[in-house]
mmCIF file of all heavy atoms, coordinates in Angstrom:
data_MODEL
# 
_entry.id   MODEL 
# 
loop_
_atom_site.group_PDB 
_atom_site.id 
_atom_site.type_symbol 
_atom_site.label_atom_id 
_atom_site.label_alt_id 
_atom_site.label_comp_id 
_atom_site.label_asym_id 
_atom_site.label_entity_id 
_atom_site.label_seq_id 
_atom_site.pdbx_PDB_ins_code 
_atom_site.Cartn_x 
_atom_site.Cartn_y 
_atom_site.Cartn_z 
_atom_site.occupancy 
_atom_site.B_iso_or_equiv 
_atom_site.pdbx_formal_charge 
_atom_site.auth_seq_id 
_atom_site.auth_comp_id 
_atom_site.auth_asym_id 
_atom_site.auth_atom_id 
_atom_site.pdbx_PDB_model_num 
ATOM 1   N N   . ILE A 1 1  ? -85.436  187.678 79.231 1.00 0.00 ? 1  ILE A N   1 
ATOM 2   C CA  . ILE A 1 1  ? -85.986  186.969 80.382 1.00 0.00 ? 1  ILE A CA  1 
ATOM 3   C C   . ILE A 1 1  ? -85.024  185.860 80.815 1.00 0.00 ? 1  ILE A C   1 
ATOM 4   O O   . ILE A 1 1  ? -84.583  185.052 80.001 1.00 0.00 ? 1  ILE A O   1 
ATOM 5   C CB  . ILE A 1 1  ? -87.370  186.382 80.059 1.00 0.00 ? 1  ILE A CB  1 
ATOM 6   C CG1 . ILE A 1 1  ? -88.349  187.499 79.689 1.00 0.00 ? 1  ILE A CG1 1 
ATOM 7   C CG2 . ILE A 1 1  ? -87.894  185.554 81.228 1.00 0.00 ? 1  ILE A CG2 1 
ATOM 8   C CD1 . ILE A 1 1  ? -88.531  188.564 80.764 1.00 0.00 ? 1  ILE A CD1 1 
ATOM 9   N N   . GLU A 1 2  ? -84.711  185.844 82.093 1.00 0.00 ? 2  GLU A N   1 
ATOM 10  C CA  . GLU A 1 2  ? -83.761  184.862 82.614 1.00 0.00 ? 2  GLU A CA  1 
ATOM 11  C C   . GLU A 1 2  ? -84.414  183.813 83.502 1.00 0.00 ? 2  GLU A C   1 
ATOM 12  O O   . GLU A 1 2  ? -83.881  182.718 83.652 1.00 0.00 ? 2  GLU A O   1 
ATOM 13  C CB  . GLU A 1 2  ? -82.672  185.597 83.394 1.00 0.00 ? 2  GLU A CB  1 
ATOM 14  C CG  . GLU A 1 2  ? -81.818  186.483 82.496 1.00 0.00 ? 2  GLU A CG  1 
ATOM 15  C CD  . GLU A 1 2  ? -81.113  187.581 83.256 1.00 0.00 ? 2  GLU A CD  1 
ATOM 16  O OE1 . GLU A 1 2  ? -81.756  188.230 84.095 1.00 0.00 ? 2  GLU A OE1 1 
ATOM 17  O OE2 . GLU A 1 2  ? -79.914  187.782 83.005 1.00 0.00 ? 2  GLU A OE2 1 
ATOM 18  N N   . GLU A 1 3  ? -85.542  184.165 84.102 1.00 0.00 ? 3  GLU A N   1 
ATOM 19  C CA  . GLU A 1 3  ? -86.209  183.204 84.982 1.00 0.00 ? 3  GLU A CA  1 
ATOM 20  C C   . GLU A 1 3  ? -87.698  183.170 84.666 1.00 0.00 ? 3  GLU A C   1 
ATOM 21  O O   . GLU A 1 3  ? -88.353  184.212 84.596 1.00 0.00 ? 3  GLU A O   1 
ATOM 22  C CB  . GLU A 1 3  ? -85.998  183.568 86.446 1.00 0.00 ? 3  GLU A CB  1 
ATOM 23  C CG  . GLU A 1 3  ? -86.590  182.556 87.404 1.00 0.00 ? 3  GLU A CG  1 
ATOM 24  C CD  . GLU A 1 3  ? -86.026  182.699 88.804 1.00 0.00 ? 3  GLU A CD  1 
ATOM 25  O OE1 . GLU A 1 3  ? -86.131  183.800 89.370 1.00 0.00 ? 3  GLU A OE1 1 
ATOM 26  O OE2 . GLU A 1 3  ? -85.476  181.714 89.312 1.00 0.00 ? 3  GLU A OE2 1 
ATOM 27  N N   . VAL A 1 4  ? -88.225  181.961 84.482 1.00 0.00 ? 4  VAL A N   1 
ATOM 28  C CA  . VAL A 1 4  ? -89.636  181.773 84.175 1.00 0.00 ? 4  VAL A CA  1 
ATOM 29  C C   . VAL A 1 4  ? -90.317  181.115 85.376 1.00 0.00 ? 4  VAL A C   1 
ATOM 30  O O   . VAL A 1 4  ? -89.927  180.032 85.813 1.00 0.00 ? 4  VAL A O   1 
ATOM 31  C CB  . VAL A 1 4  ? -89.823  180.895 82.921 1.00 0.00 ? 4  VAL A CB  1 
ATOM 32  C CG1 . VAL A 1 4  ? -91.294  180.518 82.739 1.00 0.00 ? 4  VAL A CG1 1 
ATOM 33  C CG2 . VAL A 1 4  ? -89.308  181.633 81.687 1.00 0.00 ? 4  VAL A CG2 1 
ATOM 34  N N   . VAL A 1 5  ? -91.313  181.799 85.906 1.00 0.00 ? 5  VAL A N   1 
ATOM 35  C CA  . VAL A 1 5  ? -92.135  181.261 86.990 1.00 0.00 ? 5  VAL A CA  1 
ATOM 36  C C   . VAL A 1 5  ? -93.549  181.169 86.456 1.00 0.00 ? 5  VAL A C   1 
ATOM 37  O O   . VAL A 1 5  ? -94.140  182.175 86.051 1.00 0.00 ? 5  VAL A O   1 
ATOM 38  C CB  . VAL A 1 5  ? -92.088  182.169 88.239 1.00 0.00 ? 5  VAL A CB  1 
ATOM 39  C CG1 . VAL A 1 5  ? -92.959  181.584 89.350 1.00 0.00 ? 5  VAL A CG1 1 
ATOM 40  C CG2 . VAL A 1 5  ? -90.655  182.345 88.717 1.00 0.00 ? 5  VAL A CG2 1 
ATOM 41  N N   . ARG A 1 6  ? -94.104  179.967 86.424 1.00 0.00 ? 6  ARG A N   1 
ATOM 42  C CA  . ARG A 1 6  ? -95.446  179.769 85.889 1.00 0.00 ? 6  ARG A CA  1 
ATOM 43  C C   . ARG A 1 6  ? -96.040  178.498 86.475 1.00 0.00 ? 6  ARG A C   1 
ATOM 44  O O   . ARG A 1 6  ? -95.372  177.749 87.193 1.00 0.00 ? 6  ARG A O   1 
ATOM 45  C CB  . ARG A 1 6  ? -95.418  179.697 84.364 1.00 0.00 ? 6  ARG A CB  1 
ATOM 46  C CG  . ARG A 1 6  ? -94.525  178.631 83.780 1.00 0.00 ? 6  ARG A CG  1 
ATOM 47  C CD  . ARG A 1 6  ? -94.388  178.794 82.276 1.00 0.00 ? 6  ARG A CD  1 
ATOM 48  N NE  . ARG A 1 6  ? -93.447  177.833 81.697 1.00 0.00 ? 6  ARG A NE  1 
ATOM 49  C CZ  . ARG A 1 6  ? -92.960  177.921 80.468 1.00 0.00 ? 6  ARG A CZ  1 
ATOM 50  N NH1 . ARG A 1 6  ? -93.320  178.923 79.677 1.00 0.00 ? 6  ARG A NH1 1 
ATOM 51  N NH2 . ARG A 1 6  ? -92.108  177.031 80.014 1.00 0.00 ? 6  ARG A NH2 1 
ATOM 52  N N   . GLY A 1 7  ? -97.307  178.226 86.171 1.00 0.00 ? 7  GLY A N   1 
ATOM 53  C CA  . GLY A 1 7  ? -97.978  177.058 86.710 1.00 0.00 ? 7  GLY A CA  1 
ATOM 54  C C   . GLY A 1 7  ? -97.391  175.761 86.184 1.00 0.00 ? 7  GLY A C   1 
ATOM 55  O O   . GLY A 1 7  ? -96.889  175.707 85.054 1.00 0.00 ? 7  GLY A O   1 
ATOM 56  N N   . ASP A 1 8  ? -97.457  174.706 87.006 1.00 0.00 ? 8  ASP A N   1 
ATOM 57  C CA  . ASP A 1 8  ? -96.844  173.456 86.567 1.00 0.00 ? 8  ASP A CA  1 
ATOM 58  C C   . ASP A 1 8  ? -97.657  172.712 85.509 1.00 0.00 ? 8  ASP A C   1 
ATOM 59  O O   . ASP A 1 8  ? -97.233  171.664 85.029 1.00 0.00 ? 8  ASP A O   1 
ATOM 60  C CB  . ASP A 1 8  ? -96.492  172.544 87.738 1.00 0.00 ? 8  ASP A CB  1 
ATOM 61  C CG  . ASP A 1 8  ? -97.688  172.115 88.571 1.00 0.00 ? 8  ASP A CG  1 
ATOM 62  O OD1 . ASP A 1 8  ? -98.838  172.326 88.137 1.00 0.00 ? 8  ASP A OD1 1 
ATOM 63  O OD2 . ASP A 1 8  ? -97.476  171.560 89.662 1.00 0.00 ? 8  ASP A OD2 1 
ATOM 64  N N   . ASP A 1 9  ? -98.804  173.282 85.101 1.00 0.00 ? 9  ASP A N   1 
ATOM 65  C CA  . ASP A 1 9  ? -99.493  172.727 83.937 1.00 0.00 ? 9  ASP A CA  1 
ATOM 66  C C   . ASP A 1 9  ? -98.728  173.041 82.657 1.00 0.00 ? 9  ASP A C   1 
ATOM 67  O O   . ASP A 1 9  ? -99.006  172.422 81.610 1.00 0.00 ? 9  ASP A O   1 
ATOM 68  C CB  . ASP A 1 9  ? -100.926 173.254 83.849 1.00 0.00 ? 9  ASP A CB  1 
ATOM 69  C CG  . ASP A 1 9  ? -101.005 174.780 83.808 1.00 0.00 ? 9  ASP A CG  1 
ATOM 70  O OD1 . ASP A 1 9  ? -100.123 175.448 84.383 1.00 0.00 ? 9  ASP A OD1 1 
ATOM 71  O OD2 . ASP A 1 9  ? -101.956 175.302 83.214 1.00 0.00 ? 9  ASP A OD2 1 
ATOM 72  N N   . LEU A 1 10 ? -97.768  173.951 82.720 1.00 0.00 ? 10 LEU A N   1 
ATOM 73  C CA  . LEU A 1 10 ? -96.954  174.305 81.555 1.00 0.00 ? 10 LEU A CA  1 
ATOM 74  C C   . LEU A 1 10 ? -95.563  173.665 81.605 1.00 0.00 ? 10 LEU A C   1 
ATOM 75  O O   . LEU A 1 10 ? -94.703  173.984 80.782 1.00 0.00 ? 10 LEU A O   1 
ATOM 76  C CB  . LEU A 1 10 ? -96.818  175.823 81.443 1.00 0.00 ? 10 LEU A CB  1 
ATOM 77  C CG  . LEU A 1 10 ? -98.111  176.560 81.072 1.00 0.00 ? 10 LEU A CG  1 
ATOM 78  C CD1 . LEU A 1 10 ? -97.915  178.061 81.191 1.00 0.00 ? 10 LEU A CD1 1 
ATOM 79  C CD2 . LEU A 1 10 ? -98.568  176.190 79.669 1.00 0.00 ? 10 LEU A CD2 1 
ATOM 80  N N   . LEU A 1 11 ? -95.368  172.759 82.519 1.00 0.00 ? 11 LEU A N   1 
ATOM 81  C CA  . LEU A 1 11 ? -94.067  172.105 82.642 1.00 0.00 ? 11 LEU A CA  1 
ATOM 82  C C   . LEU A 1 11 ? -93.665  171.417 81.339 1.00 0.00 ? 11 LEU A C   1 
ATOM 83  O O   . LEU A 1 11 ? -92.507  171.455 80.934 1.00 0.00 ? 11 LEU A O   1 
ATOM 84  C CB  . LEU A 1 11 ? -94.096  171.091 83.785 1.00 0.00 ? 11 LEU A CB  1 
ATOM 85  C CG  . LEU A 1 11 ? -92.784  170.400 84.151 1.00 0.00 ? 11 LEU A CG  1 
ATOM 86  C CD1 . LEU A 1 11 ? -91.768  171.404 84.671 1.00 0.00 ? 11 LEU A CD1 1 
ATOM 87  C CD2 . LEU A 1 11 ? -93.037  169.309 85.197 1.00 0.00 ? 11 LEU A CD2 1 
ATOM 88  N N   . GLY A 1 12 ? -94.630  170.809 80.659 1.00 0.00 ? 12 GLY A N   1 
ATOM 89  C CA  . GLY A 1 12 ? -94.334  170.092 79.425 1.00 0.00 ? 12 GLY A CA  1 
ATOM 90  C C   . GLY A 1 12 ? -93.951  170.994 78.264 1.00 0.00 ? 12 GLY A C   1 
ATOM 91  O O   . GLY A 1 12 ? -93.414  170.512 77.262 1.00 0.00 ? 12 GLY A O   1 
ATOM 92  N N   . SER A 1 13 ? -94.212  172.290 78.374 1.00 0.00 ? 13 SER A N   1 
ATOM 93  C CA  . SER A 1 13 ? -93.870  173.220 77.295 1.00 0.00 ? 13 SER A CA  1 
ATOM 94  C C   . SER A 1 13 ? -92.408  173.641 77.339 1.00 0.00 ? 13 SER A C   1 
ATOM 95  O O   . SER A 1 13 ? -91.867  174.115 76.335 1.00 0.00 ? 13 SER A O   1 
ATOM 96  C CB  . SER A 1 13 ? -94.737  174.487 77.382 1.00 0.00 ? 13 SER A CB  1 
ATOM 97  O OG  . SER A 1 13 ? -96.095  174.189 77.199 1.00 0.00 ? 13 SER A OG  1 
ATOM 98  N N   . THR A 1 14 ? -91.767  173.469 78.474 1.00 0.00 ? 14 THR A N   1 
ATOM 99  C CA  . THR A 1 14 ? -90.431  174.036 78.643 1.00 0.00 ? 14 THR A CA  1 
ATOM 100 C C   . THR A 1 14 ? -89.399  173.363 77.752 1.00 0.00 ? 14 THR A C   1 
ATOM 101 O O   . THR A 1 14 ? -88.559  174.034 77.135 1.00 0.00 ? 14 THR A O   1 
ATOM 102 C CB  . THR A 1 14 ? -90.017  173.962 80.114 1.00 0.00 ? 14 THR A CB  1 
ATOM 103 O OG1 . THR A 1 14 ? -90.988  174.664 80.897 1.00 0.00 ? 14 THR A OG1 1 
ATOM 104 C CG2 . THR A 1 14 ? -88.657  174.595 80.328 1.00 0.00 ? 14 THR A CG2 1 
ATOM 105 N N   . GLY A 1 15 ? -89.429  172.048 77.650 1.00 0.00 ? 15 GLY A N   1 
ATOM 106 C CA  . GLY A 1 15 ? -88.497  171.355 76.770 1.00 0.00 ? 15 GLY A CA  1 
ATOM 107 C C   . GLY A 1 15 ? -88.668  171.791 75.329 1.00 0.00 ? 15 GLY A C   1 
ATOM 108 O O   . GLY A 1 15 ? -87.671  171.978 74.602 1.00 0.00 ? 15 GLY A O   1 
ATOM 109 N N   . ARG A 1 16 ? -89.903  171.950 74.896 1.00 0.00 ? 16 ARG A N   1 
ATOM 110 C CA  . ARG A 1 16 ? -90.170  172.434 73.539 1.00 0.00 ? 16 ARG A CA  1 
ATOM 111 C C   . ARG A 1 16 ? -89.555  173.803 73.318 1.00 0.00 ? 16 ARG A C   1 
ATOM 112 O O   . ARG A 1 16 ? -88.922  174.074 72.288 1.00 0.00 ? 16 ARG A O   1 
ATOM 113 C CB  . ARG A 1 16 ? -91.677  172.510 73.291 1.00 0.00 ? 16 ARG A CB  1 
ATOM 114 C CG  . ARG A 1 16 ? -92.399  171.172 73.222 1.00 0.00 ? 16 ARG A CG  1 
ATOM 115 C CD  . ARG A 1 16 ? -93.892  171.396 73.147 1.00 0.00 ? 16 ARG A CD  1 
ATOM 116 N NE  . ARG A 1 16 ? -94.622  170.187 72.785 1.00 0.00 ? 16 ARG A NE  1 
ATOM 117 C CZ  . ARG A 1 16 ? -95.933  170.121 72.657 1.00 0.00 ? 16 ARG A CZ  1 
ATOM 118 N NH1 . ARG A 1 16 ? -96.660  171.215 72.860 1.00 0.00 ? 16 ARG A NH1 1 
ATOM 119 N NH2 . ARG A 1 16 ? -96.530  168.989 72.314 1.00 0.00 ? 16 ARG A NH2 1 
ATOM 120 N N   . GLN A 1 17 ? -89.748  174.695 74.293 1.00 0.00 ? 17 GLN A N   1 
ATOM 121 C CA  . GLN A 1 17 ? -89.258  176.064 74.136 1.00 0.00 ? 17 GLN A CA  1 
ATOM 122 C C   . GLN A 1 17 ? -87.738  176.125 74.171 1.00 0.00 ? 17 GLN A C   1 
ATOM 123 O O   . GLN A 1 17 ? -87.123  176.900 73.424 1.00 0.00 ? 17 GLN A O   1 
ATOM 124 C CB  . GLN A 1 17 ? -89.891  176.942 75.207 1.00 0.00 ? 17 GLN A CB  1 
ATOM 125 C CG  . GLN A 1 17 ? -91.389  177.119 74.988 1.00 0.00 ? 17 GLN A CG  1 
ATOM 126 C CD  . GLN A 1 17 ? -92.105  177.756 76.157 1.00 0.00 ? 17 GLN A CD  1 
ATOM 127 O OE1 . GLN A 1 17 ? -91.488  178.249 77.096 1.00 0.00 ? 17 GLN A OE1 1 
ATOM 128 N NE2 . GLN A 1 17 ? -93.435  177.732 76.115 1.00 0.00 ? 17 GLN A NE2 1 
ATOM 129 N N   . LEU A 1 18 ? -87.105  175.322 74.997 1.00 0.00 ? 18 LEU A N   1 
ATOM 130 C CA  . LEU A 1 18 ? -85.645  175.285 75.022 1.00 0.00 ? 18 LEU A CA  1 
ATOM 131 C C   . LEU A 1 18 ? -85.089  174.726 73.711 1.00 0.00 ? 18 LEU A C   1 
ATOM 132 O O   . LEU A 1 18 ? -84.086  175.222 73.185 1.00 0.00 ? 18 LEU A O   1 
ATOM 133 C CB  . LEU A 1 18 ? -85.160  174.452 76.209 1.00 0.00 ? 18 LEU A CB  1 
ATOM 134 C CG  . LEU A 1 18 ? -85.355  175.099 77.584 1.00 0.00 ? 18 LEU A CG  1 
ATOM 135 C CD1 . LEU A 1 18 ? -85.029  174.089 78.684 1.00 0.00 ? 18 LEU A CD1 1 
ATOM 136 C CD2 . LEU A 1 18 ? -84.500  176.350 77.733 1.00 0.00 ? 18 LEU A CD2 1 
ATOM 137 N N   . TRP A 1 19 ? -85.750  173.693 73.184 1.00 0.00 ? 19 TRP A N   1 
ATOM 138 C CA  . TRP A 1 19 ? -85.323  173.140 71.896 1.00 0.00 ? 19 TRP A CA  1 
ATOM 139 C C   . TRP A 1 19 ? -85.449  174.194 70.796 1.00 0.00 ? 19 TRP A C   1 
ATOM 140 O O   . TRP A 1 19 ? -84.545  174.355 69.966 1.00 0.00 ? 19 TRP A O   1 
ATOM 141 C CB  . TRP A 1 19 ? -86.165  171.914 71.542 1.00 0.00 ? 19 TRP A CB  1 
ATOM 142 C CG  . TRP A 1 19 ? -85.825  171.322 70.211 1.00 0.00 ? 19 TRP A CG  1 
ATOM 143 C CD1 . TRP A 1 19 ? -84.907  170.344 69.940 1.00 0.00 ? 19 TRP A CD1 1 
ATOM 144 C CD2 . TRP A 1 19 ? -86.390  171.687 68.935 1.00 0.00 ? 19 TRP A CD2 1 
ATOM 145 N NE1 . TRP A 1 19 ? -84.855  170.079 68.593 1.00 0.00 ? 19 TRP A NE1 1 
ATOM 146 C CE2 . TRP A 1 19 ? -85.749  170.888 67.950 1.00 0.00 ? 19 TRP A CE2 1 
ATOM 147 C CE3 . TRP A 1 19 ? -87.353  172.597 68.531 1.00 0.00 ? 19 TRP A CE3 1 
ATOM 148 C CZ2 . TRP A 1 19 ? -86.064  170.974 66.594 1.00 0.00 ? 19 TRP A CZ2 1 
ATOM 149 C CZ3 . TRP A 1 19 ? -87.662  172.708 67.184 1.00 0.00 ? 19 TRP A CZ3 1 
ATOM 150 C CH2 . TRP A 1 19 ? -87.024  171.897 66.232 1.00 0.00 ? 19 TRP A CH2 1 
ATOM 151 N N   . LEU A 1 20 ? -86.555  174.925 70.800 1.00 0.00 ? 20 LEU A N   1 
ATOM 152 C CA  . LEU A 1 20 ? -86.786  175.921 69.759 1.00 0.00 ? 20 LEU A CA  1 
ATOM 153 C C   . LEU A 1 20 ? -85.793  177.072 69.882 1.00 0.00 ? 20 LEU A C   1 
ATOM 154 O O   . LEU A 1 20 ? -85.273  177.564 68.869 1.00 0.00 ? 20 LEU A O   1 
ATOM 155 C CB  . LEU A 1 20 ? -88.220  176.440 69.840 1.00 0.00 ? 20 LEU A CB  1 
ATOM 156 C CG  . LEU A 1 20 ? -88.665  177.397 68.736 1.00 0.00 ? 20 LEU A CG  1 
ATOM 157 C CD1 . LEU A 1 20 ? -88.459  176.784 67.359 1.00 0.00 ? 20 LEU A CD1 1 
ATOM 158 C CD2 . LEU A 1 20 ? -90.138  177.784 68.926 1.00 0.00 ? 20 LEU A CD2 1 
ATOM 159 N N   . ALA A 1 21 ? -85.513  177.508 71.099 1.00 0.00 ? 21 ALA A N   1 
ATOM 160 C CA  . ALA A 1 21 ? -84.532  178.579 71.285 1.00 0.00 ? 21 ALA A CA  1 
ATOM 161 C C   . ALA A 1 21 ? -83.162  178.157 70.763 1.00 0.00 ? 21 ALA A C   1 
ATOM 162 O O   . ALA A 1 21 ? -82.458  178.941 70.110 1.00 0.00 ? 21 ALA A O   1 
ATOM 163 C CB  . ALA A 1 21 ? -84.443  178.960 72.761 1.00 0.00 ? 21 ALA A CB  1 
ATOM 164 N N   . ARG A 1 22 ? -82.803  176.914 71.025 1.00 0.00 ? 22 ARG A N   1 
ATOM 165 C CA  . ARG A 1 22 ? -81.514  176.409 70.534 1.00 0.00 ? 22 ARG A CA  1 
ATOM 166 C C   . ARG A 1 22 ? -81.507  176.340 69.011 1.00 0.00 ? 22 ARG A C   1 
ATOM 167 O O   . ARG A 1 22 ? -80.522  176.703 68.366 1.00 0.00 ? 22 ARG A O   1 
ATOM 168 C CB  . ARG A 1 22 ? -81.260  175.026 71.126 1.00 0.00 ? 22 ARG A CB  1 
ATOM 169 C CG  . ARG A 1 22 ? -79.896  174.428 70.786 1.00 0.00 ? 22 ARG A CG  1 
ATOM 170 C CD  . ARG A 1 22 ? -79.725  173.094 71.469 1.00 0.00 ? 22 ARG A CD  1 
ATOM 171 N NE  . ARG A 1 22 ? -80.671  172.109 70.942 1.00 0.00 ? 22 ARG A NE  1 
ATOM 172 C CZ  . ARG A 1 22 ? -81.126  171.075 71.649 1.00 0.00 ? 22 ARG A CZ  1 
ATOM 173 N NH1 . ARG A 1 22 ? -80.783  170.913 72.919 1.00 0.00 ? 22 ARG A NH1 1 
ATOM 174 N NH2 . ARG A 1 22 ? -81.948  170.220 71.087 1.00 0.00 ? 22 ARG A NH2 1 
ATOM 175 N N   . THR A 1 23 ? -82.605  175.909 68.422 1.00 0.00 ? 23 THR A N   1 
ATOM 176 C CA  . THR A 1 23 ? -82.692  175.802 66.965 1.00 0.00 ? 23 THR A CA  1 
ATOM 177 C C   . THR A 1 23 ? -82.635  177.176 66.309 1.00 0.00 ? 23 THR A C   1 
ATOM 178 O O   . THR A 1 23 ? -82.011  177.351 65.253 1.00 0.00 ? 23 THR A O   1 
ATOM 179 C CB  . THR A 1 23 ? -83.984  175.065 66.571 1.00 0.00 ? 23 THR A CB  1 
ATOM 180 O OG1 . THR A 1 23 ? -83.998  173.771 67.199 1.00 0.00 ? 23 THR A OG1 1 
ATOM 181 C CG2 . THR A 1 23 ? -84.075  174.894 65.067 1.00 0.00 ? 23 THR A CG2 1 
ATOM 182 N N   . LEU A 1 24 ? -83.288  178.153 66.927 1.00 0.00 ? 24 LEU A N   1 
ATOM 183 C CA  . LEU A 1 24 ? -83.289  179.518 66.402 1.00 0.00 ? 24 LEU A CA  1 
ATOM 184 C C   . LEU A 1 24 ? -82.013  180.273 66.767 1.00 0.00 ? 24 LEU A C   1 
ATOM 185 O O   . LEU A 1 24 ? -81.799  181.388 66.290 1.00 0.00 ? 24 LEU A O   1 
ATOM 186 C CB  . LEU A 1 24 ? -84.498  180.288 66.935 1.00 0.00 ? 24 LEU A CB  1 
ATOM 187 C CG  . LEU A 1 24 ? -85.870  179.866 66.422 1.00 0.00 ? 24 LEU A CG  1 
ATOM 188 C CD1 . LEU A 1 24 ? -86.971  180.582 67.197 1.00 0.00 ? 24 LEU A CD1 1 
ATOM 189 C CD2 . LEU A 1 24 ? -86.005  180.144 64.933 1.00 0.00 ? 24 LEU A CD2 1 
# 
């Protein structure tokens, strides 16, 4: 997946997911 389109109630999850992807 290269582009994520979702509701802005999930905006706060994106930093977490990017951090986790980098860690993994």
